[in-house]
């Protein structure tokens, strides 16, 4: 079974939703429009 690997640059935020922890992340090598 094929799977993709992604590298996280940093975790921007985290929240608990429906009993599960979710993360807002910045992906390594991805350009952001926030500049």
PDB file of N, CA and C in Angstrom:
ATOM      1  N   UNK A   1       0.844  -1.188   0.000  1.00  0.00           N
ATOM      2  CA  UNK A   1       0.000   0.000   0.000  1.00  0.00           C
ATOM      3  C   UNK A   1       0.885   1.246   0.000  1.00  0.00           C
ATOM      4  N   UNK A   2       0.663   2.117  -0.983  1.00  0.00           N
ATOM      5  CA  UNK A   2       1.443   3.348  -1.091  1.00  0.00           C
ATOM      6  C   UNK A   2       0.947   4.384  -0.094  1.00  0.00           C
ATOM      7  N   UNK A   3       1.873   5.147   0.412  1.00  0.00           N
ATOM      8  CA  UNK A   3       1.500   6.266   1.275  1.00  0.00           C
ATOM      9  C   UNK A   3       2.450   7.422   1.027  1.00  0.00           C
ATOM     10  N   UNK A   4       1.948   8.621   1.238  1.00  0.00           N
ATOM     11  CA  UNK A   4       2.751   9.817   1.063  1.00  0.00           C
ATOM     12  C   UNK A   4       3.286  10.271   2.409  1.00  0.00           C
ATOM     13  N   UNK A   5       4.479  10.834   2.403  1.00  0.00           N
ATOM     14  CA  UNK A   5       5.046  11.390   3.617  1.00  0.00           C
ATOM     15  C   UNK A   5       5.162  12.893   3.449  1.00  0.00           C
ATOM     16  N   UNK A   6       4.757  13.616   4.472  1.00  0.00           N
ATOM     17  CA  UNK A   6       4.801  15.073   4.457  1.00  0.00           C
ATOM     18  C   UNK A   6       5.641  15.535   5.637  1.00  0.00           C
ATOM     19  N   UNK A   7       6.424  16.572   5.432  1.00  0.00           N
ATOM     20  CA  UNK A   7       7.246  17.112   6.507  1.00  0.00           C
ATOM     21  C   UNK A   7       6.611  18.394   7.030  1.00  0.00           C
ATOM     22  N   UNK A   8       6.403  18.447   8.334  1.00  0.00           N
ATOM     23  CA  UNK A   8       5.810  19.617   8.980  1.00  0.00           C
ATOM     24  C   UNK A   8       6.924  20.571   9.394  1.00  0.00           C
ATOM     25  N   UNK A   9       6.776  21.842   9.023  1.00  0.00           N
ATOM     26  CA  UNK A   9       7.744  22.858   9.412  1.00  0.00           C
ATOM     27  C   UNK A   9       7.504  23.301  10.852  1.00  0.00           C
ATOM     28  N   UNK A  10       6.233  23.600  11.188  1.00  0.00           N
ATOM     29  CA  UNK A  10       5.889  23.952  12.565  1.00  0.00           C
ATOM     30  C   UNK A  10       4.394  23.787  12.801  1.00  0.00           C
ATOM     31  N   UNK A  11       4.037  23.628  14.058  1.00  0.00           N
ATOM     32  CA  UNK A  11       2.629  23.539  14.456  1.00  0.00           C
ATOM     33  C   UNK A  11       2.174  24.945  14.830  1.00  0.00           C
ATOM     34  N   UNK A  12       1.152  25.447  14.133  1.00  0.00           N
ATOM     35  CA  UNK A  12       0.671  26.806  14.345  1.00  0.00           C
ATOM     36  C   UNK A  12      -0.397  26.888  15.426  1.00  0.00           C
ATOM     37  N   UNK A  13      -1.220  25.844  15.540  1.00  0.00           N
ATOM     38  CA  UNK A  13      -2.323  25.858  16.499  1.00  0.00           C
ATOM     39  C   UNK A  13      -2.806  24.429  16.713  1.00  0.00           C
ATOM     40  N   UNK A  14      -3.531  24.221  17.790  1.00  0.00           N
ATOM     41  CA  UNK A  14      -4.125  22.912  18.077  1.00  0.00           C
ATOM     42  C   UNK A  14      -5.477  23.129  18.730  1.00  0.00           C
ATOM     43  N   UNK A  15      -6.402  22.191  18.486  1.00  0.00           N
ATOM     44  CA  UNK A  15      -7.727  22.285  19.098  1.00  0.00           C
ATOM     45  C   UNK A  15      -8.270  20.884  19.338  1.00  0.00           C
ATOM     46  N   UNK A  16      -9.190  20.799  20.280  1.00  0.00           N
ATOM     47  CA  UNK A  16      -9.864  19.543  20.565  1.00  0.00           C
ATOM     48  C   UNK A  16     -11.244  19.613  19.935  1.00  0.00           C
ATOM     49  N   UNK A  17     -11.551  18.665  19.049  1.00  0.00           N
ATOM     50  CA  UNK A  17     -12.831  18.655  18.350  1.00  0.00           C
ATOM     51  C   UNK A  17     -13.375  17.236  18.333  1.00  0.00           C
ATOM     52  N   UNK A  18     -14.575  17.068  18.864  1.00  0.00           N
ATOM     53  CA  UNK A  18     -15.225  15.756  18.937  1.00  0.00           C
ATOM     54  C   UNK A  18     -14.317  14.719  19.595  1.00  0.00           C
ATOM     55  N   UNK A  19     -13.592  15.155  20.633  1.00  0.00           N
ATOM     56  CA  UNK A  19     -12.738  14.249  21.380  1.00  0.00           C
ATOM     57  C   UNK A  19     -11.415  13.922  20.718  1.00  0.00           C
ATOM     58  N   UNK A  20     -11.102  14.585  19.601  1.00  0.00           N
ATOM     59  CA  UNK A  20      -9.846  14.328  18.898  1.00  0.00           C
ATOM     60  C   UNK A  20      -9.049  15.620  18.784  1.00  0.00           C
ATOM     61  N   UNK A  21      -7.741  15.499  18.921  1.00  0.00           N
ATOM     62  CA  UNK A  21      -6.863  16.646  18.811  1.00  0.00           C
ATOM     63  C   UNK A  21      -6.546  16.894  17.341  1.00  0.00           C
ATOM     64  N   UNK A  22      -6.757  18.134  16.901  1.00  0.00           N
ATOM     65  CA  UNK A  22      -6.459  18.516  15.522  1.00  0.00           C
ATOM     66  C   UNK A  22      -5.384  19.596  15.546  1.00  0.00           C
ATOM     67  N   UNK A  23      -4.507  19.561  14.548  1.00  0.00           N
ATOM     68  CA  UNK A  23      -3.413  20.519  14.474  1.00  0.00           C
ATOM     69  C   UNK A  23      -3.510  21.350  13.207  1.00  0.00           C
ATOM     70  N   UNK A  24      -3.179  22.640  13.331  1.00  0.00           N
ATOM     71  CA  UNK A  24      -2.987  23.508  12.178  1.00  0.00           C
ATOM     72  C   UNK A  24      -1.480  23.597  11.997  1.00  0.00           C
ATOM     73  N   UNK A  25      -0.998  23.141  10.853  1.00  0.00           N
ATOM     74  CA  UNK A  25       0.447  23.055  10.649  1.00  0.00           C
ATOM     75  C   UNK A  25       0.889  23.855   9.434  1.00  0.00           C
ATOM     76  N   UNK A  26       2.173  24.178   9.425  1.00  0.00           N
ATOM     77  CA  UNK A  26       2.813  24.768   8.252  1.00  0.00           C
ATOM     78  C   UNK A  26       3.684  23.678   7.650  1.00  0.00           C
ATOM     79  N   UNK A  27       3.454  23.399   6.373  1.00  0.00           N
ATOM     80  CA  UNK A  27       4.188  22.326   5.708  1.00  0.00           C
ATOM     81  C   UNK A  27       5.552  22.822   5.255  1.00  0.00           C
ATOM     82  N   UNK A  28       6.574  22.029   5.450  1.00  0.00           N
ATOM     83  CA  UNK A  28       7.925  22.364   5.017  1.00  0.00           C
ATOM     84  C   UNK A  28       7.958  22.482   3.499  1.00  0.00           C
ATOM     85  N   UNK A  29       8.583  23.549   3.005  1.00  0.00           N
ATOM     86  CA  UNK A  29       8.722  23.735   1.567  1.00  0.00           C
ATOM     87  C   UNK A  29       7.511  24.337   0.890  1.00  0.00           C
ATOM     88  N   UNK A  30       6.449  24.645   1.650  1.00  0.00           N
ATOM     89  CA  UNK A  30       5.236  25.226   1.068  1.00  0.00           C
ATOM     90  C   UNK A  30       5.252  26.725   1.287  1.00  0.00           C
ATOM     91  N   UNK A  31       5.051  27.496   0.226  1.00  0.00           N
ATOM     92  CA  UNK A  31       5.027  28.947   0.331  1.00  0.00           C
ATOM     93  C   UNK A  31       3.690  29.420   0.868  1.00  0.00           C
ATOM     94  N   UNK A  32       3.734  30.314   1.852  1.00  0.00           N
ATOM     95  CA  UNK A  32       2.519  30.857   2.456  1.00  0.00           C
ATOM     96  C   UNK A  32       2.183  32.209   1.850  1.00  0.00           C
ATOM     97  N   UNK A  33       0.889  32.532   1.794  1.00  0.00           N
ATOM     98  CA  UNK A  33       0.443  33.831   1.290  1.00  0.00           C
ATOM     99  C   UNK A  33       0.351  34.868   2.402  1.00  0.00           C
ATOM    100  N   UNK A  34       0.786  34.528   3.604  1.00  0.00           N
ATOM    101  CA  UNK A  34       0.649  35.417   4.759  1.00  0.00           C
ATOM    102  C   UNK A  34       1.661  36.555   4.766  1.00  0.00           C
ATOM    103  N   UNK A  35       2.696  36.488   3.957  1.00  0.00           N
ATOM    104  CA  UNK A  35       3.763  37.504   3.972  1.00  0.00           C
ATOM    105  C   UNK A  35       3.276  38.864   3.552  1.00  0.00           C
TER     106      UNK A  35
END
